[in-house]
Amino acid sequence: MVLVLTTNIEEIDVLSIEYIKKSIEDLLPVDKYREIISYNDYKDVCRSVLGIALLKVYLNSCGYRIDSKLKYINGKPEICGVGIEFNISHSGNWVTCAFSKNKIGVDIERKNYNERILERCFNEKEKKYIKQSHDYERMMNNYTKTWTIKESYIKYLGIGLRYGMKKILINYDERIIEDGTDSVCFFSKEYASDYVLSVCCKARERVEIVKVGEQSLLNI
């Protein structure tokens, strides 16, 4: 099973963020912690802090005792010794963290539509899927769904955007991504009315999404 924890930064007050900020310090390398708390945009601080806080919520709920700091490889945080893969994403007011025993990638985005990116990053089949409806709301949904699937796949691979978005071939009917060497399953759904959340994982696993409230975050 894939578990996705989510939280909304607008539902957590400033004092709680300050408390949570101190609670995650033990899990982060000193330089990374200093980098996060020094972001100029307060919402960027909140998003980064809450991403790590969701990780701690999960680790605590499973009874894991972590004695070492997170390691950052190509900008992606990893944790040793627990046999769990995780991935963090945030957009707007929402922060997510996905967990699995296997490799995992997650992306959440506010619904949007960008014709320039569509032409540059999507193949003809994907353009047709996105534009199959003349309803703009539907087009936005299909565009954001396609983008988040691609982004979650890149995060699944752990290689960054240099991979090339057009190389990622989405089979919408089978809910798999075909890249010429392997097939990876994806899950995608509309979330909180104006967002889309997508997950890529090795096998066709059940995906459970759980919203985490302020009190649970304060208990880490």
C-alpha atoms as a PDB file:
ATOM      1  CA  MET A   1       0.000   0.000   0.000  1.00  0.00           C
ATOM      2  CA  VAL A   2       1.046   3.586  -0.672  1.00  0.00           C
ATOM      3  CA  LEU A   3       0.183   6.059   2.063  1.00  0.00           C
ATOM      4  CA  VAL A   4       0.030   9.773   1.234  1.00  0.00           C
ATOM      5  CA  LEU A   5      -0.120  12.226   4.127  1.00  0.00           C
ATOM      6  CA  THR A   6      -1.254  15.772   3.377  1.00  0.00           C
ATOM      7  CA  THR A   7      -1.602  18.987   5.335  1.00  0.00           C
ATOM      8  CA  ASN A   8      -2.734  22.548   4.601  1.00  0.00           C
ATOM      9  CA  ILE A   9      -0.480  25.385   5.748  1.00  0.00           C
ATOM     10  CA  GLU A  10      -3.420  27.785   6.034  1.00  0.00           C
ATOM     11  CA  GLU A  11      -4.866  25.648   8.832  1.00  0.00           C
ATOM     12  CA  ILE A  12      -1.758  25.874  11.047  1.00  0.00           C
ATOM     13  CA  ASP A  13      -1.051  29.039  13.005  1.00  0.00           C
ATOM     14  CA  VAL A  14       2.286  30.848  13.227  1.00  0.00           C
ATOM     15  CA  LEU A  15       3.118  29.732  16.779  1.00  0.00           C
ATOM     16  CA  SER A  16       2.505  26.107  15.828  1.00  0.00           C
ATOM     17  CA  ILE A  17       4.831  26.450  12.822  1.00  0.00           C
ATOM     18  CA  GLU A  18       7.555  27.799  15.127  1.00  0.00           C
ATOM     19  CA  TYR A  19       7.114  24.818  17.463  1.00  0.00           C
ATOM     20  CA  ILE A  20       7.112  22.320  14.581  1.00  0.00           C
ATOM     21  CA  LYS A  21      10.209  24.014  13.149  1.00  0.00           C
ATOM     22  CA  LYS A  22      12.143  23.136  16.318  1.00  0.00           C
ATOM     23  CA  SER A  23      10.697  19.601  16.360  1.00  0.00           C
ATOM     24  CA  ILE A  24      12.213  18.659  12.995  1.00  0.00           C
ATOM     25  CA  GLU A  25      15.713  19.969  13.716  1.00  0.00           C
ATOM     26  CA  ASP A  26      16.955  16.589  14.966  1.00  0.00           C
ATOM     27  CA  LEU A  27      16.168  14.954  11.614  1.00  0.00           C
ATOM     28  CA  LEU A  28      17.946  17.454   9.356  1.00  0.00           C
ATOM     29  CA  PRO A  29      21.633  18.101   8.634  1.00  0.00           C
ATOM     30  CA  VAL A  30      22.658  21.442  10.170  1.00  0.00           C
ATOM     31  CA  ASP A  31      23.223  23.155   6.817  1.00  0.00           C
ATOM     32  CA  LYS A  32      19.867  21.985   5.454  1.00  0.00           C
ATOM     33  CA  TYR A  33      17.996  23.140   8.543  1.00  0.00           C
ATOM     34  CA  ARG A  34      19.621  26.576   8.350  1.00  0.00           C
ATOM     35  CA  GLU A  35      18.791  26.782   4.647  1.00  0.00           C
ATOM     36  CA  ILE A  36      15.104  26.006   5.247  1.00  0.00           C
ATOM     37  CA  ILE A  37      14.552  28.449   8.109  1.00  0.00           C
ATOM     38  CA  SER A  38      16.308  31.242   6.214  1.00  0.00           C
ATOM     39  CA  TYR A  39      14.047  31.189   3.125  1.00  0.00           C
ATOM     40  CA  ASN A  40      12.822  34.697   2.306  1.00  0.00           C
ATOM     41  CA  ASP A  41       9.256  33.593   1.623  1.00  0.00           C
ATOM     42  CA  TYR A  42       7.524  32.519   4.842  1.00  0.00           C
ATOM     43  CA  LYS A  43       5.288  30.092   2.943  1.00  0.00           C
ATOM     44  CA  ASP A  44       8.387  28.377   1.526  1.00  0.00           C
ATOM     45  CA  VAL A  45       9.587  27.904   5.114  1.00  0.00           C
ATOM     46  CA  CYS A  46       6.200  26.449   6.065  1.00  0.00           C
ATOM     47  CA  ARG A  47       6.084  24.076   3.092  1.00  0.00           C
ATOM     48  CA  SER A  48       9.571  22.718   3.735  1.00  0.00           C
ATOM     49  CA  VAL A  49       9.075  22.413   7.487  1.00  0.00           C
ATOM     50  CA  LEU A  50       5.730  20.651   7.136  1.00  0.00           C
ATOM     51  CA  GLY A  51       7.087  18.201   4.551  1.00  0.00           C
ATOM     52  CA  ILE A  52       9.633  16.957   7.093  1.00  0.00           C
ATOM     53  CA  ALA A  53       6.998  17.110   9.841  1.00  0.00           C
ATOM     54  CA  LEU A  54       4.757  14.739   7.838  1.00  0.00           C
ATOM     55  CA  LEU A  55       7.722  12.369   7.596  1.00  0.00           C
ATOM     56  CA  LYS A  56       8.097  12.463  11.386  1.00  0.00           C
ATOM     57  CA  VAL A  57       4.367  11.859  11.856  1.00  0.00           C
ATOM     58  CA  TYR A  58       4.694   8.686   9.799  1.00  0.00           C
ATOM     59  CA  LEU A  59       7.904   7.480  11.465  1.00  0.00           C
ATOM     60  CA  ASN A  60       6.439   8.028  14.923  1.00  0.00           C
ATOM     61  CA  SER A  61       3.186   6.246  14.014  1.00  0.00           C
ATOM     62  CA  CYS A  62       5.210   3.206  12.888  1.00  0.00           C
ATOM     63  CA  GLY A  63       7.364   3.237  16.029  1.00  0.00           C
ATOM     64  CA  TYR A  64      10.639   3.949  14.225  1.00  0.00           C
ATOM     65  CA  ARG A  65      13.446   5.449  16.290  1.00  0.00           C
ATOM     66  CA  ILE A  66      15.786   7.388  14.020  1.00  0.00           C
ATOM     67  CA  ASP A  67      19.298   8.056  15.312  1.00  0.00           C
ATOM     68  CA  SER A  68      20.762   9.513  12.120  1.00  0.00           C
ATOM     69  CA  LYS A  69      20.062  12.608  10.027  1.00  0.00           C
ATOM     70  CA  LEU A  70      18.406  12.585   6.628  1.00  0.00           C
ATOM     71  CA  LYS A  71      20.788  12.339   3.701  1.00  0.00           C
ATOM     72  CA  TYR A  72      20.229  14.519   0.634  1.00  0.00           C
ATOM     73  CA  ILE A  73      21.174  12.892  -2.668  1.00  0.00           C
ATOM     74  CA  ASN A  74      20.664  15.091  -5.752  1.00  0.00           C
ATOM     75  CA  GLY A  75      18.470  17.269  -3.549  1.00  0.00           C
ATOM     76  CA  LYS A  76      16.207  14.359  -2.559  1.00  0.00           C
ATOM     77  CA  PRO A  77      16.027  13.447   1.157  1.00  0.00           C
ATOM     78  CA  GLU A  78      16.592   9.808   2.091  1.00  0.00           C
ATOM     79  CA  ILE A  79      16.551   7.966   5.382  1.00  0.00           C
ATOM     80  CA  CYS A  80      18.619   4.880   6.181  1.00  0.00           C
ATOM     81  CA  GLY A  81      17.811   1.767   8.156  1.00  0.00           C
ATOM     82  CA  VAL A  82      13.997   1.676   8.125  1.00  0.00           C
ATOM     83  CA  GLY A  83      13.177   0.045   4.767  1.00  0.00           C
ATOM     84  CA  ILE A  84      10.794   2.827   3.794  1.00  0.00           C
ATOM     85  CA  GLU A  85      10.841   5.001   0.676  1.00  0.00           C
ATOM     86  CA  PHE A  86       9.263   8.458   0.815  1.00  0.00           C
ATOM     87  CA  ASN A  87       8.830  11.506  -1.363  1.00  0.00           C
ATOM     88  CA  ILE A  88       7.656  15.049  -0.590  1.00  0.00           C
ATOM     89  CA  SER A  89       5.773  17.564  -2.737  1.00  0.00           C
ATOM     90  CA  HIS A  90       4.059  20.899  -2.160  1.00  0.00           C
ATOM     91  CA  SER A  91       2.077  23.450  -4.111  1.00  0.00           C
ATOM     92  CA  GLY A  92       0.155  26.490  -2.937  1.00  0.00           C
ATOM     93  CA  ASN A  93      -1.233  25.717   0.514  1.00  0.00           C
ATOM     94  CA  TRP A  94      -0.845  21.936   0.330  1.00  0.00           C
ATOM     95  CA  VAL A  95       2.080  19.756   1.414  1.00  0.00           C
ATOM     96  CA  THR A  96       2.214  16.002   0.788  1.00  0.00           C
ATOM     97  CA  CYS A  97       4.510  13.135   1.724  1.00  0.00           C
ATOM     98  CA  ALA A  98       4.076   9.674   0.162  1.00  0.00           C
ATOM     99  CA  PHE A  99       5.362   6.424   1.703  1.00  0.00           C
ATOM    100  CA  SER A 100       5.925   2.926   0.336  1.00  0.00           C
ATOM    101  CA  LYS A 101       8.173  -0.085   0.839  1.00  0.00           C
ATOM    102  CA  ASN A 102       9.130   0.377  -2.819  1.00  0.00           C
ATOM    103  CA  LYS A 103      10.415   3.319  -4.838  1.00  0.00           C
ATOM    104  CA  ILE A 104       7.913   6.189  -4.879  1.00  0.00           C
ATOM    105  CA  GLY A 105       7.323   9.613  -6.432  1.00  0.00           C
ATOM    106  CA  VAL A 106       4.573  12.119  -5.642  1.00  0.00           C
ATOM    107  CA  ASP A 107       3.522  15.491  -7.029  1.00  0.00           C
ATOM    108  CA  ILE A 108       0.730  17.897  -6.172  1.00  0.00           C
ATOM    109  CA  GLU A 109      -0.109  21.001  -8.202  1.00  0.00           C
ATOM    110  CA  ARG A 110      -2.822  23.620  -8.282  1.00  0.00           C
ATOM    111  CA  LYS A 111      -4.847  23.236 -11.479  1.00  0.00           C
ATOM    112  CA  ASN A 112      -3.487  25.377 -14.292  1.00  0.00           C
ATOM    113  CA  TYR A 113      -2.943  25.461 -18.037  1.00  0.00           C
ATOM    114  CA  ASN A 114       0.110  26.729 -19.933  1.00  0.00           C
ATOM    115  CA  GLU A 115       0.126  26.494 -23.734  1.00  0.00           C
ATOM    116  CA  ARG A 116       3.882  27.173 -23.984  1.00  0.00           C
ATOM    117  CA  ILE A 117       4.764  24.322 -21.622  1.00  0.00           C
ATOM    118  CA  LEU A 118       2.222  22.113 -23.364  1.00  0.00           C
ATOM    119  CA  GLU A 119       4.041  22.530 -26.678  1.00  0.00           C
ATOM    120  CA  ARG A 120       7.502  22.141 -25.169  1.00  0.00           C
ATOM    121  CA  CYS A 121       6.987  19.231 -22.768  1.00  0.00           C
ATOM    122  CA  PHE A 122       4.059  17.110 -23.985  1.00  0.00           C
ATOM    123  CA  ASN A 123       3.875  14.706 -26.919  1.00  0.00           C
ATOM    124  CA  GLU A 124       1.080  14.628 -29.508  1.00  0.00           C
ATOM    125  CA  LYS A 125      -0.922  11.907 -27.754  1.00  0.00           C
ATOM    126  CA  GLU A 126      -0.887  13.888 -24.519  1.00  0.00           C
ATOM    127  CA  LYS A 127      -1.866  17.114 -26.282  1.00  0.00           C
ATOM    128  CA  LYS A 128      -4.839  15.305 -27.806  1.00  0.00           C
ATOM    129  CA  TYR A 129      -5.863  13.934 -24.399  1.00  0.00           C
ATOM    130  CA  ILE A 130      -5.634  17.389 -22.825  1.00  0.00           C
ATOM    131  CA  LYS A 131      -7.534  19.178 -25.595  1.00  0.00           C
ATOM    132  CA  GLN A 132     -10.193  16.508 -26.166  1.00  0.00           C
ATOM    133  CA  SER A 133     -12.673  18.696 -24.301  1.00  0.00           C
ATOM    134  CA  HIS A 134     -13.413  22.294 -25.244  1.00  0.00           C
ATOM    135  CA  ASP A 135     -14.353  22.978 -21.624  1.00  0.00           C
ATOM    136  CA  TYR A 136     -11.499  25.021 -20.113  1.00  0.00           C
ATOM    137  CA  GLU A 137     -11.953  23.532 -16.627  1.00  0.00           C
ATOM    138  CA  ARG A 138     -11.618  20.033 -18.076  1.00  0.00           C
ATOM    139  CA  MET A 139      -8.553  21.061 -20.076  1.00  0.00           C
ATOM    140  CA  MET A 140      -6.939  22.471 -16.929  1.00  0.00           C
ATOM    141  CA  ASN A 141      -7.643  19.245 -15.087  1.00  0.00           C
ATOM    142  CA  ASN A 142      -6.205  17.061 -17.875  1.00  0.00           C
ATOM    143  CA  TYR A 143      -3.173  19.329 -18.274  1.00  0.00           C
ATOM    144  CA  THR A 144      -2.408  19.318 -14.539  1.00  0.00           C
ATOM    145  CA  LYS A 145      -3.017  15.579 -14.308  1.00  0.00           C
ATOM    146  CA  THR A 146      -0.543  14.953 -17.126  1.00  0.00           C
ATOM    147  CA  TRP A 147       2.048  17.304 -15.658  1.00  0.00           C
ATOM    148  CA  THR A 148       1.838  15.797 -12.157  1.00  0.00           C
ATOM    149  CA  ILE A 149       2.113  12.257 -13.523  1.00  0.00           C
ATOM    150  CA  LYS A 150       5.273  13.220 -15.401  1.00  0.00           C
ATOM    151  CA  GLU A 151       6.683  15.109 -12.421  1.00  0.00           C
ATOM    152  CA  SER A 152       5.962  12.250 -10.012  1.00  0.00           C
ATOM    153  CA  TYR A 153       7.657   9.847 -12.442  1.00  0.00           C
ATOM    154  CA  ILE A 154      10.788  11.999 -12.575  1.00  0.00           C
ATOM    155  CA  LYS A 155      10.786  12.105  -8.772  1.00  0.00           C
ATOM    156  CA  TYR A 156      10.279   8.333  -8.753  1.00  0.00           C
ATOM    157  CA  LEU A 157      13.429   8.011 -10.856  1.00  0.00           C
ATOM    158  CA  GLY A 158      15.234  10.595  -8.696  1.00  0.00           C
ATOM    159  CA  ILE A 159      16.932  12.246 -11.675  1.00  0.00           C
ATOM    160  CA  GLY A 160      15.470  15.751 -11.966  1.00  0.00           C
ATOM    161  CA  LEU A 161      13.907  17.596 -14.896  1.00  0.00           C
ATOM    162  CA  ARG A 162      16.946  17.033 -17.120  1.00  0.00           C
ATOM    163  CA  TYR A 163      15.352  13.673 -18.067  1.00  0.00           C
ATOM    164  CA  GLY A 164      13.125  15.355 -20.642  1.00  0.00           C
ATOM    165  CA  MET A 165       9.356  15.512 -20.249  1.00  0.00           C
ATOM    166  CA  LYS A 166       8.543  14.411 -23.812  1.00  0.00           C
ATOM    167  CA  LYS A 167      10.356  11.104 -23.272  1.00  0.00           C
ATOM    168  CA  ILE A 168       7.784  10.088 -20.663  1.00  0.00           C
ATOM    169  CA  LEU A 169       4.978   8.174 -22.403  1.00  0.00           C
ATOM    170  CA  ILE A 170       1.726   7.989 -20.447  1.00  0.00           C
ATOM    171  CA  ASN A 171      -0.765   5.179 -21.067  1.00  0.00           C
ATOM    172  CA  TYR A 172      -3.883   6.758 -19.573  1.00  0.00           C
ATOM    173  CA  ASP A 173      -6.087   3.663 -20.021  1.00  0.00           C
ATOM    174  CA  GLU A 174      -3.702   1.211 -18.356  1.00  0.00           C
ATOM    175  CA  ARG A 175      -2.470   3.804 -15.838  1.00  0.00           C
ATOM    176  CA  ILE A 176       1.171   3.039 -16.571  1.00  0.00           C
ATOM    177  CA  ILE A 177       4.193   4.972 -17.841  1.00  0.00           C
ATOM    178  CA  GLU A 178       6.272   3.363 -20.573  1.00  0.00           C
ATOM    179  CA  ASP A 179       9.825   4.637 -20.957  1.00  0.00           C
ATOM    180  CA  GLY A 180      11.217   1.907 -23.196  1.00  0.00           C
ATOM    181  CA  THR A 181      12.911  -0.066 -20.424  1.00  0.00           C
ATOM    182  CA  ASP A 182      10.247  -0.566 -17.764  1.00  0.00           C
ATOM    183  CA  SER A 183       6.631   0.128 -16.902  1.00  0.00           C
ATOM    184  CA  VAL A 184       5.671   2.106 -13.820  1.00  0.00           C
ATOM    185  CA  CYS A 185       2.145   2.428 -12.443  1.00  0.00           C
ATOM    186  CA  PHE A 186       0.556   5.741 -11.586  1.00  0.00           C
ATOM    187  CA  PHE A 187      -2.379   6.987  -9.538  1.00  0.00           C
ATOM    188  CA  SER A 188      -3.898  10.417 -10.087  1.00  0.00           C
ATOM    189  CA  LYS A 189      -6.889  12.240  -8.646  1.00  0.00           C
ATOM    190  CA  GLU A 190      -8.350  15.681  -8.130  1.00  0.00           C
ATOM    191  CA  TYR A 191      -7.698  16.857  -4.592  1.00  0.00           C
ATOM    192  CA  ALA A 192      -9.265  19.625  -2.497  1.00  0.00           C
ATOM    193  CA  SER A 193     -11.304  20.767  -5.540  1.00  0.00           C
ATOM    194  CA  ASP A 194      -8.589  22.849  -7.259  1.00  0.00           C
ATOM    195  CA  TYR A 195      -5.498  20.616  -7.038  1.00  0.00           C
ATOM    196  CA  VAL A 196      -4.346  17.375  -8.660  1.00  0.00           C
ATOM    197  CA  LEU A 197      -2.263  14.789  -6.790  1.00  0.00           C
ATOM    198  CA  SER A 198      -0.358  12.031  -8.614  1.00  0.00           C
ATOM    199  CA  VAL A 199       1.774   9.127  -7.419  1.00  0.00           C
ATOM    200  CA  CYS A 200       4.161   6.827  -9.321  1.00  0.00           C
ATOM    201  CA  CYS A 201       5.105   3.435  -7.900  1.00  0.00           C
ATOM    202  CA  LYS A 202       6.537   0.147  -9.122  1.00  0.00           C
ATOM    203  CA  ALA A 203       3.424  -1.990  -8.705  1.00  0.00           C
ATOM    204  CA  ARG A 204      -0.307  -1.310  -8.876  1.00  0.00           C
ATOM    205  CA  GLU A 205      -0.751  -0.630  -5.176  1.00  0.00           C
ATOM    206  CA  ARG A 206      -3.702   0.738  -3.242  1.00  0.00           C
ATOM    207  CA  VAL A 207      -3.214   4.432  -2.492  1.00  0.00           C
ATOM    208  CA  GLU A 208      -4.616   5.888   0.713  1.00  0.00           C
ATOM    209  CA  ILE A 209      -4.648   9.655   1.281  1.00  0.00           C
ATOM    210  CA  VAL A 210      -4.850  10.925   4.871  1.00  0.00           C
ATOM    211  CA  LYS A 211      -5.057  14.564   5.883  1.00  0.00           C
ATOM    212  CA  VAL A 212      -2.963  15.412   8.972  1.00  0.00           C
ATOM    213  CA  GLY A 213      -4.203  18.155  11.281  1.00  0.00           C
ATOM    214  CA  GLU A 214      -2.366  20.687  13.415  1.00  0.00           C
ATOM    215  CA  GLN A 215      -2.537  18.662  16.639  1.00  0.00           C
ATOM    216  CA  SER A 216      -0.888  15.596  15.092  1.00  0.00           C
ATOM    217  CA  LEU A 217       1.902  17.791  13.756  1.00  0.00           C
ATOM    218  CA  LEU A 218       2.447  19.310  17.208  1.00  0.00           C
ATOM    219  CA  ASN A 219       2.819  15.821  18.707  1.00  0.00           C
ATOM    220  CA  ILE A 220       5.971  14.931  16.773  1.00  0.00           C
END
